[in-house]
Amino acid sequence: MTRTPYDQYAKQYLEGLLQPLGAPKVNREVAAEVRQVDVWFVPNEMTTTDHEVLGILGQMVATPCLLEPFRNPASVNDVRACLGKLLQIQAETLRHTKRQKRKLSEAELPYLWILVPSSSRQLLQQFGAEQRSDWTAGIYFLPESFRTALVAIANLPIAADTLWLRLLGRGAVQQQAIAELLLINHPFRRHALEQLAILQVTLQARQNLNREDKELVMNLSPVYEQWKAETLEAGVEAGERRATEGLLMARFGELDEALTQIIPKLIALSPLDRSRLILNLSRVELLKQVQP
């Protein structure tokens, strides 16, 4: 189950960005104790979409990888847990190629990208993470055999090729990225606006928000209004349906036939009433209250 609205935002945001490039899978389970990788991605060799369209993020996903976004700075144990998932998947990959009786090169092993809003010098030193001259500032690589890097979003330069990562930041970093997003013309702009709008509605419907969440709701208001205006131009029903599907997936993890059938009734409600029903009722209660 998704831990917070930010987790779901990050997963659906990344999944939508990466779909044209390959096969992203959110919440991929790994063996042993059941754990999940936030986003597992395998690039599609046949795709016509250039990875450069996503800047540094596109460069990161040029090979199979795990993406683990954190809303708050990661602890030592958080990093260790991510490394544990990586090792499990690398072991699965090695077993698979062994059954195929072929050798696996080091470059074919999946890479781990840990996305954090910021990182302390102490944490970087504990894992021996350092910057590399062939990558942008703010990305710190663990020793080569780990095939892992920490992306400290607050340390990324403000540039077009870091925008898609900075939208996963927090505070002033994310606010700056949102302001840039509103001004650009880009094939992934609509998807980013939609996911941020869903995050805004989800947070607005929650009770007892802390100060940072309240500020984020205010910062996201222009995004929601812009998304709403563009949705009206593109067709209200299609946009409202996408937003409703996003909320249902954020709450229940997947869309089955029963949930899909109640979407038209949910669309007829105001956005606030709709989000309150979805977020506050159980699946059984929601289906009972909103009959198709």
C-alpha atoms as a PDB file:
ATOM      1  CA  MET A   1       0.000   0.000   0.000  1.00  0.00           C
ATOM      2  CA  THR A   2       1.254   3.458  -0.834  1.00  0.00           C
ATOM      3  CA  ARG A   3       2.666   5.245   2.214  1.00  0.00           C
ATOM      4  CA  THR A   4       1.847   8.884   1.420  1.00  0.00           C
ATOM      5  CA  PRO A   5       0.380  11.054  -1.368  1.00  0.00           C
ATOM      6  CA  TYR A   6       3.947  12.032  -2.266  1.00  0.00           C
ATOM      7  CA  ASP A   7       4.917   8.400  -2.862  1.00  0.00           C
ATOM      8  CA  GLN A   8       2.011   7.907  -5.247  1.00  0.00           C
ATOM      9  CA  TYR A   9       2.727  11.211  -6.991  1.00  0.00           C
ATOM     10  CA  ALA A  10       6.371  10.248  -7.530  1.00  0.00           C
ATOM     11  CA  LYS A  11       5.534   6.770  -8.815  1.00  0.00           C
ATOM     12  CA  GLN A  12       2.769   7.807 -11.216  1.00  0.00           C
ATOM     13  CA  TYR A  13       4.754  10.849 -12.358  1.00  0.00           C
ATOM     14  CA  LEU A  14       7.812   8.719 -13.175  1.00  0.00           C
ATOM     15  CA  GLU A  15       5.732   5.930 -14.698  1.00  0.00           C
ATOM     16  CA  GLY A  16       4.044   8.372 -17.092  1.00  0.00           C
ATOM     17  CA  LEU A  17       7.326  10.009 -18.085  1.00  0.00           C
ATOM     18  CA  LEU A  18       9.019   6.680 -18.764  1.00  0.00           C
ATOM     19  CA  GLN A  19       6.243   4.813 -20.614  1.00  0.00           C
ATOM     20  CA  PRO A  20       7.238   6.158 -24.066  1.00  0.00           C
ATOM     21  CA  LEU A  21      10.823   5.009 -23.448  1.00  0.00           C
ATOM     22  CA  GLY A  22      10.274   1.466 -22.219  1.00  0.00           C
ATOM     23  CA  ALA A  23       8.479  -0.631 -19.619  1.00  0.00           C
ATOM     24  CA  PRO A  24       8.192   1.006 -16.178  1.00  0.00           C
ATOM     25  CA  LYS A  25       6.638  -1.037 -13.392  1.00  0.00           C
ATOM     26  CA  VAL A  26       5.710   0.505 -10.061  1.00  0.00           C
ATOM     27  CA  ASN A  27       5.745  -1.504  -6.825  1.00  0.00           C
ATOM     28  CA  ARG A  28       7.760  -4.382  -8.316  1.00  0.00           C
ATOM     29  CA  GLU A  29       8.028  -7.122  -5.689  1.00  0.00           C
ATOM     30  CA  VAL A  30      11.373  -8.729  -4.901  1.00  0.00           C
ATOM     31  CA  ALA A  31      11.981 -12.167  -3.435  1.00  0.00           C
ATOM     32  CA  ALA A  32      12.488 -13.261   0.176  1.00  0.00           C
ATOM     33  CA  GLU A  33      10.727 -10.900   2.547  1.00  0.00           C
ATOM     34  CA  VAL A  34       8.150  -9.168   0.369  1.00  0.00           C
ATOM     35  CA  ARG A  35       9.504  -5.756  -0.547  1.00  0.00           C
ATOM     36  CA  GLN A  36       8.703  -3.441  -3.400  1.00  0.00           C
ATOM     37  CA  VAL A  37      10.812  -1.335  -5.716  1.00  0.00           C
ATOM     38  CA  ASP A  38       9.118   2.029  -6.226  1.00  0.00           C
ATOM     39  CA  VAL A  39       9.783   2.050  -9.988  1.00  0.00           C
ATOM     40  CA  TRP A  40      11.496  -0.691 -11.988  1.00  0.00           C
ATOM     41  CA  PHE A  41      12.347   0.368 -15.539  1.00  0.00           C
ATOM     42  CA  VAL A  42      13.541  -1.469 -18.629  1.00  0.00           C
ATOM     43  CA  PRO A  43      14.194   0.710 -21.701  1.00  0.00           C
ATOM     44  CA  ASN A  44      12.544  -0.264 -24.960  1.00  0.00           C
ATOM     45  CA  GLU A  45      15.078  -0.742 -27.728  1.00  0.00           C
ATOM     46  CA  MET A  46      12.401  -0.149 -30.361  1.00  0.00           C
ATOM     47  CA  THR A  47      11.058   3.138 -28.974  1.00  0.00           C
ATOM     48  CA  THR A  48      11.012   6.176 -31.256  1.00  0.00           C
ATOM     49  CA  THR A  49      11.153   8.548 -28.278  1.00  0.00           C
ATOM     50  CA  ASP A  50      14.616   9.976 -27.671  1.00  0.00           C
ATOM     51  CA  HIS A  51      15.816   9.665 -24.060  1.00  0.00           C
ATOM     52  CA  GLU A  52      17.246  13.177 -24.321  1.00  0.00           C
ATOM     53  CA  VAL A  53      13.699  14.552 -24.111  1.00  0.00           C
ATOM     54  CA  LEU A  54      13.881  13.906 -20.328  1.00  0.00           C
ATOM     55  CA  GLY A  55      17.333  15.429 -19.871  1.00  0.00           C
ATOM     56  CA  ILE A  56      19.346  13.943 -16.999  1.00  0.00           C
ATOM     57  CA  LEU A  57      16.467  11.613 -16.069  1.00  0.00           C
ATOM     58  CA  GLY A  58      16.527  10.225 -19.606  1.00  0.00           C
ATOM     59  CA  GLN A  59      20.276   9.675 -19.293  1.00  0.00           C
ATOM     60  CA  MET A  60      19.730   7.816 -16.017  1.00  0.00           C
ATOM     61  CA  VAL A  61      17.209   5.380 -17.510  1.00  0.00           C
ATOM     62  CA  ALA A  62      19.220   4.470 -20.618  1.00  0.00           C
ATOM     63  CA  THR A  63      19.764   1.024 -19.039  1.00  0.00           C
ATOM     64  CA  PRO A  64      17.564  -1.176 -16.768  1.00  0.00           C
ATOM     65  CA  CYS A  65      17.299   0.473 -13.370  1.00  0.00           C
ATOM     66  CA  LEU A  66      15.516   0.918 -10.059  1.00  0.00           C
ATOM     67  CA  LEU A  67      14.221   4.372  -9.130  1.00  0.00           C
ATOM     68  CA  GLU A  68      13.628   4.994  -5.421  1.00  0.00           C
ATOM     69  CA  PRO A  69      12.263   8.517  -4.753  1.00  0.00           C
ATOM     70  CA  PHE A  70      12.164   9.880  -1.181  1.00  0.00           C
ATOM     71  CA  ARG A  71      10.134  12.865  -0.010  1.00  0.00           C
ATOM     72  CA  ASN A  72      12.411  13.363   3.012  1.00  0.00           C
ATOM     73  CA  PRO A  73      16.211  12.978   3.231  1.00  0.00           C
ATOM     74  CA  ALA A  74      17.156   9.301   3.273  1.00  0.00           C
ATOM     75  CA  SER A  75      18.750   7.746   6.343  1.00  0.00           C
ATOM     76  CA  VAL A  76      21.595   5.237   6.355  1.00  0.00           C
ATOM     77  CA  ASN A  77      19.057   2.440   6.814  1.00  0.00           C
ATOM     78  CA  ASP A  78      16.947   3.773   3.913  1.00  0.00           C
ATOM     79  CA  VAL A  79      19.958   3.563   1.613  1.00  0.00           C
ATOM     80  CA  ARG A  80      20.793   0.081   2.892  1.00  0.00           C
ATOM     81  CA  ALA A  81      17.203  -1.051   2.227  1.00  0.00           C
ATOM     82  CA  CYS A  82      17.440   0.248  -1.356  1.00  0.00           C
ATOM     83  CA  LEU A  83      20.747  -1.556  -1.833  1.00  0.00           C
ATOM     84  CA  GLY A  84      19.126  -4.743  -0.549  1.00  0.00           C
ATOM     85  CA  LYS A  85      16.443  -4.511  -3.232  1.00  0.00           C
ATOM     86  CA  LEU A  86      19.088  -3.894  -5.897  1.00  0.00           C
ATOM     87  CA  LEU A  87      21.090  -6.943  -4.855  1.00  0.00           C
ATOM     88  CA  GLN A  88      17.960  -9.116  -4.930  1.00  0.00           C
ATOM     89  CA  ILE A  89      17.101  -8.008  -8.467  1.00  0.00           C
ATOM     90  CA  GLN A  90      20.689  -8.359  -9.639  1.00  0.00           C
ATOM     91  CA  ALA A  91      20.683 -11.910  -8.272  1.00  0.00           C
ATOM     92  CA  GLU A  92      17.426 -12.647 -10.130  1.00  0.00           C
ATOM     93  CA  THR A  93      18.944 -11.261 -13.318  1.00  0.00           C
ATOM     94  CA  LEU A  94      22.051 -13.428 -12.942  1.00  0.00           C
ATOM     95  CA  ARG A  95      19.953 -16.562 -12.321  1.00  0.00           C
ATOM     96  CA  HIS A  96      17.843 -15.820 -15.388  1.00  0.00           C
ATOM     97  CA  THR A  97      20.836 -15.436 -17.685  1.00  0.00           C
ATOM     98  CA  LYS A  98      22.435 -18.561 -16.199  1.00  0.00           C
ATOM     99  CA  ARG A  99      19.338 -20.567 -17.132  1.00  0.00           C
ATOM    100  CA  GLN A 100      19.710 -19.181 -20.633  1.00  0.00           C
ATOM    101  CA  LYS A 101      23.326 -20.372 -20.585  1.00  0.00           C
ATOM    102  CA  ARG A 102      24.755 -16.999 -21.453  1.00  0.00           C
ATOM    103  CA  LYS A 103      27.167 -14.677 -19.736  1.00  0.00           C
ATOM    104  CA  LEU A 104      25.986 -11.397 -18.283  1.00  0.00           C
ATOM    105  CA  SER A 105      28.246  -8.390 -18.637  1.00  0.00           C
ATOM    106  CA  GLU A 106      28.627  -5.957 -15.736  1.00  0.00           C
ATOM    107  CA  ALA A 107      26.997  -3.240 -17.861  1.00  0.00           C
ATOM    108  CA  GLU A 108      23.808  -5.320 -18.167  1.00  0.00           C
ATOM    109  CA  LEU A 109      23.207  -5.429 -14.415  1.00  0.00           C
ATOM    110  CA  PRO A 110      20.483  -2.989 -13.275  1.00  0.00           C
ATOM    111  CA  TYR A 111      21.448   0.347 -11.751  1.00  0.00           C
ATOM    112  CA  LEU A 112      19.954   1.962  -8.642  1.00  0.00           C
ATOM    113  CA  TRP A 113      19.064   5.663  -8.527  1.00  0.00           C
ATOM    114  CA  ILE A 114      18.064   6.943  -5.081  1.00  0.00           C
ATOM    115  CA  LEU A 115      16.275  10.281  -5.473  1.00  0.00           C
ATOM    116  CA  VAL A 116      16.405  12.413  -2.320  1.00  0.00           C
ATOM    117  CA  PRO A 117      15.453  16.069  -1.758  1.00  0.00           C
ATOM    118  CA  SER A 118      18.848  16.678  -0.156  1.00  0.00           C
ATOM    119  CA  SER A 119      21.721  14.707   1.344  1.00  0.00           C
ATOM    120  CA  SER A 120      24.118  15.395   4.178  1.00  0.00           C
ATOM    121  CA  ARG A 121      27.872  15.273   3.647  1.00  0.00           C
ATOM    122  CA  GLN A 122      28.031  12.650   6.395  1.00  0.00           C
ATOM    123  CA  LEU A 123      25.672  10.279   4.548  1.00  0.00           C
ATOM    124  CA  LEU A 124      27.650  10.635   1.326  1.00  0.00           C
ATOM    125  CA  GLN A 125      30.909   9.939   3.168  1.00  0.00           C
ATOM    126  CA  GLN A 126      29.477   6.879   4.927  1.00  0.00           C
ATOM    127  CA  PHE A 127      28.741   5.270   1.549  1.00  0.00           C
ATOM    128  CA  GLY A 128      31.787   6.633  -0.250  1.00  0.00           C
ATOM    129  CA  ALA A 129      29.562   8.530  -2.693  1.00  0.00           C
ATOM    130  CA  GLU A 130      31.290  11.075  -4.896  1.00  0.00           C
ATOM    131  CA  GLN A 131      30.485  13.277  -7.868  1.00  0.00           C
ATOM    132  CA  ARG A 132      31.782  12.360 -11.312  1.00  0.00           C
ATOM    133  CA  SER A 133      33.063  14.798 -13.906  1.00  0.00           C
ATOM    134  CA  ASP A 134      30.971  13.200 -16.669  1.00  0.00           C
ATOM    135  CA  TRP A 135      27.682  13.807 -14.795  1.00  0.00           C
ATOM    136  CA  THR A 136      25.994  16.966 -13.598  1.00  0.00           C
ATOM    137  CA  ALA A 137      26.478  18.341 -10.078  1.00  0.00           C
ATOM    138  CA  GLY A 138      24.178  16.901  -7.402  1.00  0.00           C
ATOM    139  CA  ILE A 139      24.604  13.246  -8.417  1.00  0.00           C
ATOM    140  CA  TYR A 140      26.849  11.195  -6.136  1.00  0.00           C
ATOM    141  CA  PHE A 141      28.057   7.736  -7.169  1.00  0.00           C
ATOM    142  CA  LEU A 142      28.836   4.923  -4.769  1.00  0.00           C
ATOM    143  CA  PRO A 143      31.926   2.789  -5.559  1.00  0.00           C
ATOM    144  CA  GLU A 144      31.578   1.268  -9.026  1.00  0.00           C
ATOM    145  CA  SER A 145      30.627  -2.283  -8.018  1.00  0.00           C
ATOM    146  CA  PHE A 146      27.516  -1.047  -6.202  1.00  0.00           C
ATOM    147  CA  ARG A 147      26.021   0.367  -9.456  1.00  0.00           C
ATOM    148  CA  THR A 148      24.222   2.968  -7.349  1.00  0.00           C
ATOM    149  CA  ALA A 149      23.967   6.742  -7.187  1.00  0.00           C
ATOM    150  CA  LEU A 150      22.313   9.224  -4.829  1.00  0.00           C
ATOM    151  CA  VAL A 151      20.612  12.131  -6.605  1.00  0.00           C
ATOM    152  CA  ALA A 152      20.437  15.112  -4.212  1.00  0.00           C
ATOM    153  CA  ILE A 153      17.735  17.130  -5.974  1.00  0.00           C
ATOM    154  CA  ALA A 154      18.450  20.381  -4.100  1.00  0.00           C
ATOM    155  CA  ASN A 155      22.026  20.296  -5.424  1.00  0.00           C
ATOM    156  CA  LEU A 156      21.070  19.922  -9.082  1.00  0.00           C
ATOM    157  CA  PRO A 157      21.710  23.007 -11.221  1.00  0.00           C
ATOM    158  CA  ILE A 158      18.650  24.974 -12.360  1.00  0.00           C
ATOM    159  CA  ALA A 159      18.577  23.982 -16.013  1.00  0.00           C
ATOM    160  CA  ALA A 160      16.142  22.533 -18.534  1.00  0.00           C
ATOM    161  CA  ASP A 161      17.777  19.103 -18.396  1.00  0.00           C
ATOM    162  CA  THR A 162      17.223  18.775 -14.617  1.00  0.00           C
ATOM    163  CA  LEU A 163      13.594  19.999 -14.561  1.00  0.00           C
ATOM    164  CA  TRP A 164      11.986  16.539 -14.524  1.00  0.00           C
ATOM    165  CA  LEU A 165      14.036  15.577 -11.469  1.00  0.00           C
ATOM    166  CA  ARG A 166      13.537  18.884  -9.645  1.00  0.00           C
ATOM    167  CA  LEU A 167       9.758  18.430  -9.862  1.00  0.00           C
ATOM    168  CA  LEU A 168      10.322  15.587  -7.352  1.00  0.00           C
ATOM    169  CA  GLY A 169      12.038  17.938  -4.901  1.00  0.00           C
ATOM    170  CA  ARG A 170      10.471  19.835  -2.052  1.00  0.00           C
ATOM    171  CA  GLY A 171      10.037  23.414  -0.849  1.00  0.00           C
ATOM    172  CA  ALA A 172      11.637  26.169  -2.893  1.00  0.00           C
ATOM    173  CA  VAL A 173      13.294  23.661  -5.255  1.00  0.00           C
ATOM    174  CA  GLN A 174       9.987  22.152  -6.322  1.00  0.00           C
ATOM    175  CA  GLN A 175       8.322  25.581  -6.406  1.00  0.00           C
ATOM    176  CA  GLN A 176      10.988  26.852  -8.824  1.00  0.00           C
ATOM    177  CA  ALA A 177      10.537  23.780 -11.016  1.00  0.00           C
ATOM    178  CA  ILE A 178       6.756  24.245 -11.052  1.00  0.00           C
ATOM    179  CA  ALA A 179       7.172  27.856 -12.188  1.00  0.00           C
ATOM    180  CA  GLU A 180       9.385  26.643 -15.057  1.00  0.00           C
ATOM    181  CA  LEU A 181       6.910  23.891 -15.973  1.00  0.00           C
ATOM    182  CA  LEU A 182       4.084  26.406 -16.388  1.00  0.00           C
ATOM    183  CA  LEU A 183       6.094  28.361 -18.965  1.00  0.00           C
ATOM    184  CA  ILE A 184       7.414  25.617 -21.241  1.00  0.00           C
ATOM    185  CA  ASN A 185       6.060  23.751 -24.241  1.00  0.00           C
ATOM    186  CA  HIS A 186       7.080  20.117 -23.871  1.00  0.00           C
ATOM    187  CA  PRO A 187       5.550  16.718 -24.767  1.00  0.00           C
ATOM    188  CA  PHE A 188       5.531  15.641 -21.092  1.00  0.00           C
ATOM    189  CA  ARG A 189       4.222  18.935 -19.690  1.00  0.00           C
ATOM    190  CA  ARG A 190       0.588  17.810 -19.566  1.00  0.00           C
ATOM    191  CA  HIS A 191       1.414  14.605 -17.722  1.00  0.00           C
ATOM    192  CA  ALA A 192       3.442  16.514 -15.117  1.00  0.00           C
ATOM    193  CA  LEU A 193       0.654  19.077 -14.657  1.00  0.00           C
ATOM    194  CA  GLU A 194      -1.913  16.314 -14.231  1.00  0.00           C
ATOM    195  CA  GLN A 195       0.073  14.448 -11.578  1.00  0.00           C
ATOM    196  CA  LEU A 196       0.747  17.659  -9.644  1.00  0.00           C
ATOM    197  CA  ALA A 197      -2.949  18.574  -9.879  1.00  0.00           C
ATOM    198  CA  ILE A 198      -3.895  15.156  -8.480  1.00  0.00           C
ATOM    199  CA  LEU A 199      -1.417  15.680  -5.648  1.00  0.00           C
ATOM    200  CA  GLN A 200      -2.976  19.068  -4.889  1.00  0.00           C
ATOM    201  CA  VAL A 201      -6.520  17.664  -4.760  1.00  0.00           C
ATOM    202  CA  THR A 202      -5.384  14.683  -2.680  1.00  0.00           C
ATOM    203  CA  LEU A 203      -3.664  16.895  -0.096  1.00  0.00           C
ATOM    204  CA  GLN A 204      -6.523  19.405  -0.014  1.00  0.00           C
ATOM    205  CA  ALA A 205      -8.960  16.662   0.931  1.00  0.00           C
ATOM    206  CA  ARG A 206      -6.842  15.466   3.861  1.00  0.00           C
ATOM    207  CA  GLN A 207      -7.266  16.614   7.443  1.00  0.00           C
ATOM    208  CA  ASN A 208      -4.654  18.140   9.768  1.00  0.00           C
ATOM    209  CA  LEU A 209      -2.084  19.140   7.173  1.00  0.00           C
ATOM    210  CA  ASN A 210       1.232  20.351   8.532  1.00  0.00           C
ATOM    211  CA  ARG A 211       2.663  23.724   7.556  1.00  0.00           C
ATOM    212  CA  GLU A 212       4.736  22.372   4.677  1.00  0.00           C
ATOM    213  CA  ASP A 213       1.752  20.533   3.208  1.00  0.00           C
ATOM    214  CA  LYS A 214      -0.389  23.662   3.445  1.00  0.00           C
ATOM    215  CA  GLU A 215       2.294  25.646   1.638  1.00  0.00           C
ATOM    216  CA  LEU A 216       2.517  22.954  -1.001  1.00  0.00           C
ATOM    217  CA  VAL A 217      -1.259  23.065  -1.558  1.00  0.00           C
ATOM    218  CA  MET A 218      -0.969  26.822  -2.126  1.00  0.00           C
ATOM    219  CA  ASN A 219       2.028  26.419  -4.442  1.00  0.00           C
ATOM    220  CA  LEU A 220       0.153  23.810  -6.456  1.00  0.00           C
ATOM    221  CA  SER A 221      -2.965  25.954  -6.901  1.00  0.00           C
ATOM    222  CA  PRO A 222      -1.641  27.624 -10.100  1.00  0.00           C
ATOM    223  CA  VAL A 223      -0.797  24.175 -11.452  1.00  0.00           C
ATOM    224  CA  TYR A 224      -4.314  22.932 -10.789  1.00  0.00           C
ATOM    225  CA  GLU A 225      -5.863  26.010 -12.408  1.00  0.00           C
ATOM    226  CA  GLN A 226      -3.579  25.715 -15.430  1.00  0.00           C
ATOM    227  CA  TRP A 227      -4.291  22.009 -15.776  1.00  0.00           C
ATOM    228  CA  LYS A 228      -8.028  22.673 -15.434  1.00  0.00           C
ATOM    229  CA  ALA A 229      -7.944  25.404 -18.094  1.00  0.00           C
ATOM    230  CA  GLU A 230      -6.017  23.213 -20.531  1.00  0.00           C
ATOM    231  CA  THR A 231      -8.294  20.285 -19.766  1.00  0.00           C
ATOM    232  CA  LEU A 232     -11.323  22.410 -20.670  1.00  0.00           C
ATOM    233  CA  GLU A 233      -9.735  23.192 -23.999  1.00  0.00           C
ATOM    234  CA  ALA A 234      -8.853  19.560 -24.646  1.00  0.00           C
ATOM    235  CA  GLY A 235     -12.193  18.184 -23.443  1.00  0.00           C
ATOM    236  CA  VAL A 236     -13.551  18.255 -19.910  1.00  0.00           C
ATOM    237  CA  GLU A 237     -14.698  14.666 -19.673  1.00  0.00           C
ATOM    238  CA  ALA A 238     -11.413  13.143 -20.839  1.00  0.00           C
ATOM    239  CA  GLY A 239      -9.411  15.259 -18.388  1.00  0.00           C
ATOM    240  CA  GLU A 240     -11.757  14.634 -15.469  1.00  0.00           C
ATOM    241  CA  ARG A 241     -11.686  10.920 -16.192  1.00  0.00           C
ATOM    242  CA  ARG A 242      -7.878  10.839 -16.104  1.00  0.00           C
ATOM    243  CA  ALA A 243      -7.852  12.750 -12.819  1.00  0.00           C
ATOM    244  CA  THR A 244     -10.461  10.420 -11.284  1.00  0.00           C
ATOM    245  CA  GLU A 245      -8.561   7.344 -12.423  1.00  0.00           C
ATOM    246  CA  GLY A 246      -5.427   8.799 -10.849  1.00  0.00           C
ATOM    247  CA  LEU A 247      -7.159   9.329  -7.501  1.00  0.00           C
ATOM    248  CA  LEU A 248      -8.638   5.818  -7.524  1.00  0.00           C
ATOM    249  CA  MET A 249      -5.218   4.322  -8.276  1.00  0.00           C
ATOM    250  CA  ALA A 250      -3.637   6.449  -5.545  1.00  0.00           C
ATOM    251  CA  ARG A 251      -6.196   5.134  -3.043  1.00  0.00           C
ATOM    252  CA  PHE A 252      -6.676   1.505  -4.080  1.00  0.00           C
ATOM    253  CA  GLY A 253      -3.566   0.673  -6.111  1.00  0.00           C
ATOM    254  CA  GLU A 254      -5.331  -0.533  -9.257  1.00  0.00           C
ATOM    255  CA  LEU A 255      -8.478  -0.071 -11.320  1.00  0.00           C
ATOM    256  CA  ASP A 256     -10.650  -3.164 -11.551  1.00  0.00           C
ATOM    257  CA  GLU A 257     -13.954  -3.471 -13.398  1.00  0.00           C
ATOM    258  CA  ALA A 258     -16.097  -2.448 -10.413  1.00  0.00           C
ATOM    259  CA  LEU A 259     -14.146   0.780  -9.813  1.00  0.00           C
ATOM    260  CA  THR A 260     -14.090   1.590 -13.523  1.00  0.00           C
ATOM    261  CA  GLN A 261     -17.884   1.356 -13.665  1.00  0.00           C
ATOM    262  CA  ILE A 262     -18.390   4.084 -11.038  1.00  0.00           C
ATOM    263  CA  ILE A 263     -16.087   6.619 -12.708  1.00  0.00           C
ATOM    264  CA  PRO A 264     -18.914   8.362 -14.660  1.00  0.00           C
ATOM    265  CA  LYS A 265     -20.829   8.947 -11.391  1.00  0.00           C
ATOM    266  CA  LEU A 266     -17.711  10.259  -9.680  1.00  0.00           C
ATOM    267  CA  ILE A 267     -16.995  12.644 -12.573  1.00  0.00           C
ATOM    268  CA  ALA A 268     -20.430  14.187 -12.072  1.00  0.00           C
ATOM    269  CA  LEU A 269     -19.398  15.328  -8.552  1.00  0.00           C
ATOM    270  CA  SER A 270     -17.316  18.402  -7.773  1.00  0.00           C
ATOM    271  CA  PRO A 271     -13.548  17.708  -7.594  1.00  0.00           C
ATOM    272  CA  LEU A 272     -13.502  18.253  -3.823  1.00  0.00           C
ATOM    273  CA  ASP A 273     -16.521  16.005  -3.121  1.00  0.00           C
ATOM    274  CA  ARG A 274     -15.106  13.374  -5.441  1.00  0.00           C
ATOM    275  CA  SER A 275     -11.701  13.336  -3.766  1.00  0.00           C
ATOM    276  CA  ARG A 276     -13.211  13.237  -0.261  1.00  0.00           C
ATOM    277  CA  LEU A 277     -15.292  10.182  -1.152  1.00  0.00           C
ATOM    278  CA  ILE A 278     -12.372   8.351  -2.719  1.00  0.00           C
ATOM    279  CA  LEU A 279      -9.898   9.164   0.036  1.00  0.00           C
ATOM    280  CA  ASN A 280     -12.167   8.705   3.068  1.00  0.00           C
ATOM    281  CA  LEU A 281     -14.224   5.633   2.163  1.00  0.00           C
ATOM    282  CA  SER A 282     -13.144   2.042   1.916  1.00  0.00           C
ATOM    283  CA  ARG A 283     -13.497   0.320  -1.430  1.00  0.00           C
ATOM    284  CA  VAL A 284     -16.691  -1.456  -0.299  1.00  0.00           C
ATOM    285  CA  GLU A 285     -18.179   1.785   1.081  1.00  0.00           C
ATOM    286  CA  LEU A 286     -17.332   3.695  -2.074  1.00  0.00           C
ATOM    287  CA  LEU A 287     -18.896   1.116  -4.373  1.00  0.00           C
ATOM    288  CA  LYS A 288     -22.002   1.003  -2.177  1.00  0.00           C
ATOM    289  CA  GLN A 289     -22.416   4.798  -2.097  1.00  0.00           C
ATOM    290  CA  VAL A 290     -21.659   5.479  -5.770  1.00  0.00           C
ATOM    291  CA  GLN A 291     -23.714   2.954  -7.688  1.00  0.00           C
ATOM    292  CA  PRO A 292     -23.260   2.922 -11.496  1.00  0.00           C
END
